[in-house]
Amino acid sequence: MTDIEDINKYLNGIELDKSRGENEIKVLRRYRGCLLEDIHTQQQCLDRIDYLIYEIEKHKGDF
């Protein structure tokens, strides 16, 4: 996986060399897929935390 600095370095290289080909597109799509997977994982964590907060608030008076 990569971080924003790696992506920026890569993009700067693309600007300098306009003759990039299909291989570079595959690499970028792979990076994109990894980032999207991370976003989905983080969203699931947020959803679980929101649910726990909801459940705790719902049952506050029960304790």
PDB file of N, CA and C in Angstrom:
ATOM      1  N   MET A   1       0.844  -1.175   0.000  1.00  0.00           N
ATOM      2  CA  MET A   1       0.000   0.000   0.000  1.00  0.00           C
ATOM      3  C   MET A   1       0.889   1.238   0.000  1.00  0.00           C
ATOM      4  N   THR A   2       0.268   2.359  -0.236  1.00  0.00           N
ATOM      5  CA  THR A   2       1.022   3.597  -0.371  1.00  0.00           C
ATOM      6  C   THR A   2       0.383   4.687   0.478  1.00  0.00           C
ATOM      7  N   ASP A   3       1.075   5.786   0.587  1.00  0.00           N
ATOM      8  CA  ASP A   3       0.496   6.937   1.266  1.00  0.00           C
ATOM      9  C   ASP A   3       0.501   8.126   0.316  1.00  0.00           C
ATOM     10  N   ILE A   4       0.025   9.239   0.786  1.00  0.00           N
ATOM     11  CA  ILE A   4      -0.151  10.414  -0.073  1.00  0.00           C
ATOM     12  C   ILE A   4       1.178  10.914  -0.634  1.00  0.00           C
ATOM     13  N   GLU A   5       2.262  10.785   0.122  1.00  0.00           N
ATOM     14  CA  GLU A   5       3.561  11.231  -0.382  1.00  0.00           C
ATOM     15  C   GLU A   5       4.000  10.392  -1.579  1.00  0.00           C
ATOM     16  N   ASP A   6       3.795   9.072  -1.499  1.00  0.00           N
ATOM     17  CA  ASP A   6       4.135   8.202  -2.624  1.00  0.00           C
ATOM     18  C   ASP A   6       3.314   8.560  -3.860  1.00  0.00           C
ATOM     19  N   ILE A   7       2.037   8.819  -3.653  1.00  0.00           N
ATOM     20  CA  ILE A   7       1.162   9.169  -4.776  1.00  0.00           C
ATOM     21  C   ILE A   7       1.611  10.484  -5.397  1.00  0.00           C
ATOM     22  N   ASN A   8       1.934  11.469  -4.568  1.00  0.00           N
ATOM     23  CA  ASN A   8       2.381  12.758  -5.096  1.00  0.00           C
ATOM     24  C   ASN A   8       3.678  12.620  -5.886  1.00  0.00           C
ATOM     25  N   LYS A   9       4.614  11.820  -5.380  1.00  0.00           N
ATOM     26  CA  LYS A   9       5.855  11.586  -6.122  1.00  0.00           C
ATOM     27  C   LYS A   9       5.557  10.936  -7.465  1.00  0.00           C
ATOM     28  N   TYR A  10       4.663   9.972  -7.448  1.00  0.00           N
ATOM     29  CA  TYR A  10       4.309   9.270  -8.675  1.00  0.00           C
ATOM     30  C   TYR A  10       3.657  10.225  -9.675  1.00  0.00           C
ATOM     31  N   LEU A  11       2.730  11.043  -9.186  1.00  0.00           N
ATOM     32  CA  LEU A  11       2.054  12.000 -10.063  1.00  0.00           C
ATOM     33  C   LEU A  11       3.026  13.021 -10.635  1.00  0.00           C
ATOM     34  N   ASN A  12       3.979  13.458  -9.841  1.00  0.00           N
ATOM     35  CA  ASN A  12       4.996  14.385 -10.346  1.00  0.00           C
ATOM     36  C   ASN A  12       5.798  13.731 -11.465  1.00  0.00           C
ATOM     37  N   GLY A  13       6.094  12.460 -11.327  1.00  0.00           N
ATOM     38  CA  GLY A  13       6.806  11.740 -12.370  1.00  0.00           C
ATOM     39  C   GLY A  13       5.991  11.624 -13.637  1.00  0.00           C
ATOM     40  N   ILE A  14       4.695  11.436 -13.501  1.00  0.00           N
ATOM     41  CA  ILE A  14       3.816  11.334 -14.671  1.00  0.00           C
ATOM     42  C   ILE A  14       3.791  12.659 -15.422  1.00  0.00           C
ATOM     43  N   GLU A  15       3.755  13.763 -14.670  1.00  0.00           N
ATOM     44  CA  GLU A  15       3.743  15.074 -15.326  1.00  0.00           C
ATOM     45  C   GLU A  15       4.992  15.282 -16.170  1.00  0.00           C
ATOM     46  N   LEU A  16       6.112  14.731 -15.707  1.00  0.00           N
ATOM     47  CA  LEU A  16       7.366  14.908 -16.432  1.00  0.00           C
ATOM     48  C   LEU A  16       7.459  13.984 -17.642  1.00  0.00           C
ATOM     49  N   ASP A  17       6.793  12.836 -17.575  1.00  0.00           N
ATOM     50  CA  ASP A  17       6.891  11.846 -18.642  1.00  0.00           C
ATOM     51  C   ASP A  17       5.490  11.490 -19.128  1.00  0.00           C
ATOM     52  N   LYS A  18       5.041  12.136 -20.189  1.00  0.00           N
ATOM     53  CA  LYS A  18       3.689  11.934 -20.709  1.00  0.00           C
ATOM     54  C   LYS A  18       3.533  10.610 -21.462  1.00  0.00           C
ATOM     55  N   SER A  19       4.624   9.874 -21.630  1.00  0.00           N
ATOM     56  CA  SER A  19       4.561   8.631 -22.398  1.00  0.00           C
ATOM     57  C   SER A  19       4.271   7.410 -21.528  1.00  0.00           C
ATOM     58  N   ARG A  20       3.723   7.616 -20.349  1.00  0.00           N
ATOM     59  CA  ARG A  20       3.382   6.490 -19.470  1.00  0.00           C
ATOM     60  C   ARG A  20       2.354   5.606 -20.168  1.00  0.00           C
ATOM     61  N   GLY A  21       2.408   4.316 -19.846  1.00  0.00           N
ATOM     62  CA  GLY A  21       1.536   3.384 -20.543  1.00  0.00           C
ATOM     63  C   GLY A  21       0.548   2.670 -19.646  1.00  0.00           C
ATOM     64  N   GLU A  22       0.076   1.567 -20.166  1.00  0.00           N
ATOM     65  CA  GLU A  22      -0.963   0.774 -19.511  1.00  0.00           C
ATOM     66  C   GLU A  22      -0.500   0.235 -18.152  1.00  0.00           C
ATOM     67  N   ASN A  23       0.769  -0.083 -18.015  1.00  0.00           N
ATOM     68  CA  ASN A  23       1.278  -0.601 -16.741  1.00  0.00           C
ATOM     69  C   ASN A  23       1.090   0.407 -15.617  1.00  0.00           C
ATOM     70  N   GLU A  24       1.357   1.665 -15.878  1.00  0.00           N
ATOM     71  CA  GLU A  24       1.189   2.695 -14.859  1.00  0.00           C
ATOM     72  C   GLU A  24      -0.278   2.844 -14.466  1.00  0.00           C
ATOM     73  N   ILE A  25      -1.167   2.706 -15.443  1.00  0.00           N
ATOM     74  CA  ILE A  25      -2.602   2.776 -15.145  1.00  0.00           C
ATOM     75  C   ILE A  25      -2.989   1.622 -14.220  1.00  0.00           C
ATOM     76  N   LYS A  26      -2.464   0.438 -14.480  1.00  0.00           N
ATOM     77  CA  LYS A  26      -2.755  -0.714 -13.621  1.00  0.00           C
ATOM     78  C   LYS A  26      -2.264  -0.478 -12.201  1.00  0.00           C
ATOM     79  N   VAL A  27      -1.074   0.095 -12.076  1.00  0.00           N
ATOM     80  CA  VAL A  27      -0.522   0.381 -10.748  1.00  0.00           C
ATOM     81  C   VAL A  27      -1.419   1.374 -10.013  1.00  0.00           C
ATOM     82  N   LEU A  28      -1.804   2.430 -10.694  1.00  0.00           N
ATOM     83  CA  LEU A  28      -2.670   3.435 -10.063  1.00  0.00           C
ATOM     84  C   LEU A  28      -4.026   2.855  -9.696  1.00  0.00           C
ATOM     85  N   ARG A  29      -4.573   2.007 -10.537  1.00  0.00           N
ATOM     86  CA  ARG A  29      -5.866   1.377 -10.213  1.00  0.00           C
ATOM     87  C   ARG A  29      -5.730   0.449  -9.013  1.00  0.00           C
ATOM     88  N   ARG A  30      -4.591  -0.226  -8.910  1.00  0.00           N
ATOM     89  CA  ARG A  30      -4.345  -1.081  -7.756  1.00  0.00           C
ATOM     90  C   ARG A  30      -4.268  -0.238  -6.486  1.00  0.00           C
ATOM     91  N   TYR A  31      -3.530   0.875  -6.543  1.00  0.00           N
ATOM     92  CA  TYR A  31      -3.470   1.796  -5.404  1.00  0.00           C
ATOM     93  C   TYR A  31      -4.868   2.285  -5.037  1.00  0.00           C
ATOM     94  N   ARG A  32      -5.621   2.639  -6.039  1.00  0.00           N
ATOM     95  CA  ARG A  32      -6.983   3.128  -5.809  1.00  0.00           C
ATOM     96  C   ARG A  32      -7.826   2.071  -5.103  1.00  0.00           C
ATOM     97  N   GLY A  33      -7.703   0.838  -5.562  1.00  0.00           N
ATOM     98  CA  GLY A  33      -8.450  -0.258  -4.949  1.00  0.00           C
ATOM     99  C   GLY A  33      -8.086  -0.450  -3.490  1.00  0.00           C
ATOM    100  N   CYS A  34      -6.788  -0.360  -3.195  1.00  0.00           N
ATOM    101  CA  CYS A  34      -6.345  -0.488  -1.798  1.00  0.00           C
ATOM    102  C   CYS A  34      -6.902   0.639  -0.941  1.00  0.00           C
ATOM    103  N   LEU A  35      -6.850   1.845  -1.466  1.00  0.00           N
ATOM    104  CA  LEU A  35      -7.379   2.990  -0.721  1.00  0.00           C
ATOM    105  C   LEU A  35      -8.880   2.856  -0.485  1.00  0.00           C
ATOM    106  N   LEU A  36      -9.599   2.395  -1.498  1.00  0.00           N
ATOM    107  CA  LEU A  36     -11.046   2.226  -1.367  1.00  0.00           C
ATOM    108  C   LEU A  36     -11.374   1.145  -0.341  1.00  0.00           C
ATOM    109  N   GLU A  37     -10.587   0.083  -0.344  1.00  0.00           N
ATOM    110  CA  GLU A  37     -10.779  -0.970   0.652  1.00  0.00           C
ATOM    111  C   GLU A  37     -10.560  -0.424   2.063  1.00  0.00           C
ATOM    112  N   ASP A  38      -9.526   0.398   2.226  1.00  0.00           N
ATOM    113  CA  ASP A  38      -9.267   1.033   3.524  1.00  0.00           C
ATOM    114  C   ASP A  38     -10.433   1.920   3.940  1.00  0.00           C
ATOM    115  N   ILE A  39     -10.971   2.672   2.991  1.00  0.00           N
ATOM    116  CA  ILE A  39     -12.116   3.542   3.292  1.00  0.00           C
ATOM    117  C   ILE A  39     -13.298   2.704   3.765  1.00  0.00           C
ATOM    118  N   HIS A  40     -13.569   1.594   3.102  1.00  0.00           N
ATOM    119  CA  HIS A  40     -14.688   0.738   3.497  1.00  0.00           C
ATOM    120  C   HIS A  40     -14.473   0.162   4.895  1.00  0.00           C
ATOM    121  N   THR A  41     -13.247  -0.245   5.183  1.00  0.00           N
ATOM    122  CA  THR A  41     -12.939  -0.777   6.507  1.00  0.00           C
ATOM    123  C   THR A  41     -13.141   0.289   7.578  1.00  0.00           C
ATOM    124  N   GLN A  42     -12.646   1.485   7.323  1.00  0.00           N
ATOM    125  CA  GLN A  42     -12.810   2.584   8.276  1.00  0.00           C
ATOM    126  C   GLN A  42     -14.286   2.945   8.447  1.00  0.00           C
ATOM    127  N   GLN A  43     -15.064   2.892   7.362  1.00  0.00           N
ATOM    128  CA  GLN A  43     -16.493   3.191   7.448  1.00  0.00           C
ATOM    129  C   GLN A  43     -17.199   2.159   8.312  1.00  0.00           C
ATOM    130  N   GLN A  44     -16.814   0.887   8.184  1.00  0.00           N
ATOM    131  CA  GLN A  44     -17.410  -0.147   9.028  1.00  0.00           C
ATOM    132  C   GLN A  44     -17.094   0.110  10.500  1.00  0.00           C
ATOM    133  N   CYS A  45     -15.875   0.523  10.792  1.00  0.00           N
ATOM    134  CA  CYS A  45     -15.504   0.854  12.174  1.00  0.00           C
ATOM    135  C   CYS A  45     -16.346   2.009  12.697  1.00  0.00           C
ATOM    136  N   LEU A  46     -16.490   3.042  11.885  1.00  0.00           N
ATOM    137  CA  LEU A  46     -17.317   4.184  12.291  1.00  0.00           C
ATOM    138  C   LEU A  46     -18.760   3.768  12.538  1.00  0.00           C
ATOM    139  N   ASP A  47     -19.293   2.930  11.661  1.00  0.00           N
ATOM    140  CA  ASP A  47     -20.664   2.456  11.824  1.00  0.00           C
ATOM    141  C   ASP A  47     -20.832   1.683  13.124  1.00  0.00           C
ATOM    142  N   ARG A  48     -19.859   0.852  13.470  1.00  0.00           N
ATOM    143  CA  ARG A  48     -19.937   0.076  14.713  1.00  0.00           C
ATOM    144  C   ARG A  48     -19.853   0.985  15.928  1.00  0.00           C
ATOM    145  N   ILE A  49     -18.965   1.966  15.865  1.00  0.00           N
ATOM    146  CA  ILE A  49     -18.850   2.921  16.978  1.00  0.00           C
ATOM    147  C   ILE A  49     -20.152   3.704  17.131  1.00  0.00           C
ATOM    148  N   ASP A  50     -20.716   4.166  16.024  1.00  0.00           N
ATOM    149  CA  ASP A  50     -21.990   4.894  16.084  1.00  0.00           C
ATOM    150  C   ASP A  50     -23.089   4.023  16.688  1.00  0.00           C
ATOM    151  N   TYR A  51     -23.107   2.736  16.324  1.00  0.00           N
ATOM    152  CA  TYR A  51     -24.113   1.831  16.874  1.00  0.00           C
ATOM    153  C   TYR A  51     -23.918   1.656  18.378  1.00  0.00           C
ATOM    154  N   LEU A  52     -22.669   1.497  18.814  1.00  0.00           N
ATOM    155  CA  LEU A  52     -22.406   1.361  20.248  1.00  0.00           C
ATOM    156  C   LEU A  52     -22.827   2.608  21.010  1.00  0.00           C
ATOM    157  N   ILE A  53     -22.523   3.776  20.457  1.00  0.00           N
ATOM    158  CA  ILE A  53     -22.945   5.031  21.092  1.00  0.00           C
ATOM    159  C   ILE A  53     -24.466   5.078  21.189  1.00  0.00           C
ATOM    160  N   TYR A  54     -25.142   4.710  20.111  1.00  0.00           N
ATOM    161  CA  TYR A  54     -26.605   4.693  20.089  1.00  0.00           C
ATOM    162  C   TYR A  54     -27.145   3.754  21.170  1.00  0.00           C
ATOM    163  N   GLU A  55     -26.584   2.545  21.258  1.00  0.00           N
ATOM    164  CA  GLU A  55     -27.061   1.566  22.234  1.00  0.00           C
ATOM    165  C   GLU A  55     -26.811   2.037  23.662  1.00  0.00           C
ATOM    166  N   ILE A  56     -25.655   2.606  23.919  1.00  0.00           N
ATOM    167  CA  ILE A  56     -25.337   3.094  25.263  1.00  0.00           C
ATOM    168  C   ILE A  56     -26.282   4.224  25.647  1.00  0.00           C
ATOM    169  N   GLU A  57     -26.497   5.160  24.725  1.00  0.00           N
ATOM    170  CA  GLU A  57     -27.403   6.278  25.024  1.00  0.00           C
ATOM    171  C   GLU A  57     -28.835   5.791  25.212  1.00  0.00           C
ATOM    172  N   LYS A  58     -29.237   4.808  24.443  1.00  0.00           N
ATOM    173  CA  LYS A  58     -30.595   4.266  24.529  1.00  0.00           C
ATOM    174  C   LYS A  58     -30.835   3.608  25.884  1.00  0.00           C
ATOM    175  N   HIS A  59     -29.810   2.986  26.448  1.00  0.00           N
ATOM    176  CA  HIS A  59     -29.962   2.248  27.693  1.00  0.00           C
ATOM    177  C   HIS A  59     -29.358   2.960  28.894  1.00  0.00           C
ATOM    178  N   LYS A  60     -29.047   4.255  28.768  1.00  0.00           N
ATOM    179  CA  LYS A  60     -28.437   5.001  29.870  1.00  0.00           C
ATOM    180  C   LYS A  60     -29.279   4.914  31.150  1.00  0.00           C
ATOM    181  N   GLY A  61     -30.544   5.056  31.004  1.00  0.00           N
ATOM    182  CA  GLY A  61     -31.420   5.056  32.184  1.00  0.00           C
ATOM    183  C   GLY A  61     -31.614   3.683  32.792  1.00  0.00           C
ATOM    184  N   ASP A  62     -31.210   2.630  32.095  1.00  0.00           N
ATOM    185  CA  ASP A  62     -31.406   1.259  32.572  1.00  0.00           C
ATOM    186  C   ASP A  62     -30.368   0.844  33.609  1.00  0.00           C
ATOM    187  N   PHE A  63     -29.298   1.602  33.776  1.00  0.00           N
ATOM    188  CA  PHE A  63     -28.200   1.181  34.655  1.00  0.00           C
ATOM    189  C   PHE A  63     -28.452   1.609  36.075  1.00  0.00           C
TER     190      PHE A  63
END
